[in-house]
Amino acid sequence: MGGEFKVDLDHLKSFRDALKQSVEELEAARRALAHVRADQIGTARLDDACDRFQHRWQHGTEQLKELVKAVGGGVETTMLSYERFEEELSKSLRRMGDTAAANAAGTH
């Protein structure tokens, strides 16, 4: 157990932001193709295949969006927990330092 555990809050923030951006870009791509109708593409068979794909893609992107949001929420919660922990640890260490300084001043 001599290993070291580190949490880089800047990396967590970047990861959270990348997740949010991926959801926005996925949704934008779906919206951009939503106006394209299958009857603009070609044969009836191809049109039908495109309609089915668009329906599945919409359903799949909505599911993926929910999963990415859930992961992003977990990252956000984790990041905030570590930030609070660091703040509280910093306050505690300052208090300990102040107490040690006060005790040292009282013994001289």
C-alpha atoms as a PDB file:
ATOM      1  CA  MET A   1       0.000   0.000   0.000  1.00  0.00           C
ATOM      2  CA  GLY A   2       2.906   2.321  -0.622  1.00  0.00           C
ATOM      3  CA  GLY A   3       1.249   3.659  -3.773  1.00  0.00           C
ATOM      4  CA  GLU A   4       0.204   7.229  -4.123  1.00  0.00           C
ATOM      5  CA  PHE A   5      -3.332   8.340  -4.956  1.00  0.00           C
ATOM      6  CA  LYS A   6      -3.701  11.641  -6.762  1.00  0.00           C
ATOM      7  CA  VAL A   7      -6.722  13.479  -8.063  1.00  0.00           C
ATOM      8  CA  ASP A   8      -6.134  16.242 -10.569  1.00  0.00           C
ATOM      9  CA  LEU A   9      -9.138  18.562 -10.354  1.00  0.00           C
ATOM     10  CA  ASP A  10      -8.207  20.296 -13.598  1.00  0.00           C
ATOM     11  CA  HIS A  11      -8.323  16.933 -15.402  1.00  0.00           C
ATOM     12  CA  LEU A  12     -11.700  16.160 -13.839  1.00  0.00           C
ATOM     13  CA  LYS A  13     -13.003  19.554 -14.989  1.00  0.00           C
ATOM     14  CA  SER A  14     -11.671  18.932 -18.497  1.00  0.00           C
ATOM     15  CA  PHE A  15     -13.299  15.500 -18.556  1.00  0.00           C
ATOM     16  CA  ARG A  16     -16.610  16.954 -17.366  1.00  0.00           C
ATOM     17  CA  ASP A  17     -16.449  19.664 -20.028  1.00  0.00           C
ATOM     18  CA  ALA A  18     -15.571  17.121 -22.747  1.00  0.00           C
ATOM     19  CA  LEU A  19     -18.575  15.013 -21.769  1.00  0.00           C
ATOM     20  CA  LYS A  20     -20.877  18.025 -21.939  1.00  0.00           C
ATOM     21  CA  GLN A  21     -19.462  19.025 -25.316  1.00  0.00           C
ATOM     22  CA  SER A  22     -19.840  15.508 -26.709  1.00  0.00           C
ATOM     23  CA  VAL A  23     -23.541  15.507 -25.818  1.00  0.00           C
ATOM     24  CA  GLU A  24     -24.014  18.901 -27.470  1.00  0.00           C
ATOM     25  CA  GLU A  25     -22.178  17.807 -30.625  1.00  0.00           C
ATOM     26  CA  LEU A  26     -24.072  14.531 -30.845  1.00  0.00           C
ATOM     27  CA  GLU A  27     -27.366  16.354 -30.541  1.00  0.00           C
ATOM     28  CA  ALA A  28     -26.287  18.955 -33.117  1.00  0.00           C
ATOM     29  CA  ALA A  29     -25.351  16.227 -35.608  1.00  0.00           C
ATOM     30  CA  ARG A  30     -28.698  14.534 -35.154  1.00  0.00           C
ATOM     31  CA  ARG A  31     -30.577  17.822 -35.579  1.00  0.00           C
ATOM     32  CA  ALA A  32     -28.571  18.654 -38.707  1.00  0.00           C
ATOM     33  CA  LEU A  33     -29.684  15.420 -40.369  1.00  0.00           C
ATOM     34  CA  ALA A  34     -33.237  15.462 -39.043  1.00  0.00           C
ATOM     35  CA  HIS A  35     -34.460  17.696 -41.863  1.00  0.00           C
ATOM     36  CA  VAL A  36     -33.148  15.324 -44.559  1.00  0.00           C
ATOM     37  CA  ARG A  37     -36.045  13.198 -45.710  1.00  0.00           C
ATOM     38  CA  ALA A  38     -35.585   9.717 -47.020  1.00  0.00           C
ATOM     39  CA  ASP A  39     -37.498  10.552 -50.202  1.00  0.00           C
ATOM     40  CA  GLN A  40     -34.687  12.951 -51.095  1.00  0.00           C
ATOM     41  CA  ILE A  41     -32.095  10.181 -51.189  1.00  0.00           C
ATOM     42  CA  GLY A  42     -33.042   7.630 -53.818  1.00  0.00           C
ATOM     43  CA  THR A  43     -34.849   4.349 -54.218  1.00  0.00           C
ATOM     44  CA  ALA A  44     -37.785   3.304 -52.051  1.00  0.00           C
ATOM     45  CA  ARG A  45     -35.639   0.603 -50.421  1.00  0.00           C
ATOM     46  CA  LEU A  46     -32.892   3.083 -49.612  1.00  0.00           C
ATOM     47  CA  ASP A  47     -35.458   5.608 -48.414  1.00  0.00           C
ATOM     48  CA  ASP A  48     -36.970   3.031 -46.064  1.00  0.00           C
ATOM     49  CA  ALA A  49     -33.540   2.011 -44.739  1.00  0.00           C
ATOM     50  CA  CYS A  50     -32.679   5.668 -44.113  1.00  0.00           C
ATOM     51  CA  ASP A  51     -35.947   6.257 -42.260  1.00  0.00           C
ATOM     52  CA  ARG A  52     -35.306   3.222 -40.025  1.00  0.00           C
ATOM     53  CA  PHE A  53     -31.735   4.352 -39.396  1.00  0.00           C
ATOM     54  CA  GLN A  54     -32.869   7.876 -38.484  1.00  0.00           C
ATOM     55  CA  HIS A  55     -35.391   6.457 -36.012  1.00  0.00           C
ATOM     56  CA  ARG A  56     -32.817   4.114 -34.408  1.00  0.00           C
ATOM     57  CA  TRP A  57     -30.180   6.853 -34.369  1.00  0.00           C
ATOM     58  CA  GLN A  58     -32.537   9.229 -32.614  1.00  0.00           C
ATOM     59  CA  HIS A  59     -33.407   6.596 -30.010  1.00  0.00           C
ATOM     60  CA  GLY A  60     -29.751   5.588 -29.578  1.00  0.00           C
ATOM     61  CA  THR A  61     -28.474   9.138 -29.281  1.00  0.00           C
ATOM     62  CA  GLU A  62     -31.109   9.919 -26.672  1.00  0.00           C
ATOM     63  CA  GLN A  63     -30.016   6.894 -24.637  1.00  0.00           C
ATOM     64  CA  LEU A  64     -26.355   7.765 -25.088  1.00  0.00           C
ATOM     65  CA  LYS A  65     -27.047  11.362 -24.096  1.00  0.00           C
ATOM     66  CA  GLU A  66     -28.678  10.217 -20.844  1.00  0.00           C
ATOM     67  CA  LEU A  67     -25.748   7.906 -20.046  1.00  0.00           C
ATOM     68  CA  VAL A  68     -23.176  10.612 -20.754  1.00  0.00           C
ATOM     69  CA  LYS A  69     -25.133  13.077 -18.601  1.00  0.00           C
ATOM     70  CA  ALA A  70     -25.174  10.530 -15.755  1.00  0.00           C
ATOM     71  CA  VAL A  71     -21.415   9.995 -16.023  1.00  0.00           C
ATOM     72  CA  GLY A  72     -20.890  13.754 -16.228  1.00  0.00           C
ATOM     73  CA  GLY A  73     -23.007  14.221 -13.108  1.00  0.00           C
ATOM     74  CA  GLY A  74     -20.893  11.656 -11.286  1.00  0.00           C
ATOM     75  CA  VAL A  75     -17.698  13.405 -12.385  1.00  0.00           C
ATOM     76  CA  GLU A  76     -19.137  16.741 -11.259  1.00  0.00           C
ATOM     77  CA  THR A  77     -20.085  15.328  -7.843  1.00  0.00           C
ATOM     78  CA  THR A  78     -16.661  13.717  -7.436  1.00  0.00           C
ATOM     79  CA  MET A  79     -14.890  16.906  -8.438  1.00  0.00           C
ATOM     80  CA  LEU A  80     -16.905  19.010  -5.988  1.00  0.00           C
ATOM     81  CA  SER A  81     -16.254  16.492  -3.201  1.00  0.00           C
ATOM     82  CA  TYR A  82     -12.508  16.667  -3.785  1.00  0.00           C
ATOM     83  CA  GLU A  83     -12.611  20.468  -3.937  1.00  0.00           C
ATOM     84  CA  ARG A  84     -14.480  20.595  -0.613  1.00  0.00           C
ATOM     85  CA  PHE A  85     -12.071  18.073   0.900  1.00  0.00           C
ATOM     86  CA  GLU A  86      -9.073  20.150  -0.190  1.00  0.00           C
ATOM     87  CA  GLU A  87     -10.623  23.324   1.227  1.00  0.00           C
ATOM     88  CA  GLU A  88     -11.412  21.678   4.570  1.00  0.00           C
ATOM     89  CA  LEU A  89      -7.964  20.059   4.755  1.00  0.00           C
ATOM     90  CA  SER A  90      -6.337  23.411   4.027  1.00  0.00           C
ATOM     91  CA  LYS A  91      -8.390  25.100   6.769  1.00  0.00           C
ATOM     92  CA  SER A  92      -7.520  22.359   9.255  1.00  0.00           C
ATOM     93  CA  LEU A  93      -3.813  22.565   8.472  1.00  0.00           C
ATOM     94  CA  ARG A  94      -3.869  26.359   8.876  1.00  0.00           C
ATOM     95  CA  ARG A  95      -5.611  25.986  12.257  1.00  0.00           C
ATOM     96  CA  MET A  96      -3.040  23.394  13.333  1.00  0.00           C
ATOM     97  CA  GLY A  97      -0.239  25.729  12.232  1.00  0.00           C
ATOM     98  CA  ASP A  98      -1.797  28.648  14.077  1.00  0.00           C
ATOM     99  CA  THR A  99      -2.232  26.518  17.224  1.00  0.00           C
ATOM    100  CA  ALA A 100       1.358  25.257  17.020  1.00  0.00           C
ATOM    101  CA  ALA A 101       2.619  28.841  16.557  1.00  0.00           C
ATOM    102  CA  ALA A 102       0.536  30.060  19.490  1.00  0.00           C
ATOM    103  CA  ASN A 103       1.792  27.218  21.690  1.00  0.00           C
ATOM    104  CA  ALA A 104       5.396  27.906  20.665  1.00  0.00           C
ATOM    105  CA  ALA A 105       4.979  31.610  21.407  1.00  0.00           C
ATOM    106  CA  GLY A 106       3.538  30.804  24.840  1.00  0.00           C
ATOM    107  CA  THR A 107       6.509  28.619  25.820  1.00  0.00           C
ATOM    108  CA  HIS A 108       9.192  31.180  25.079  1.00  0.00           C
END
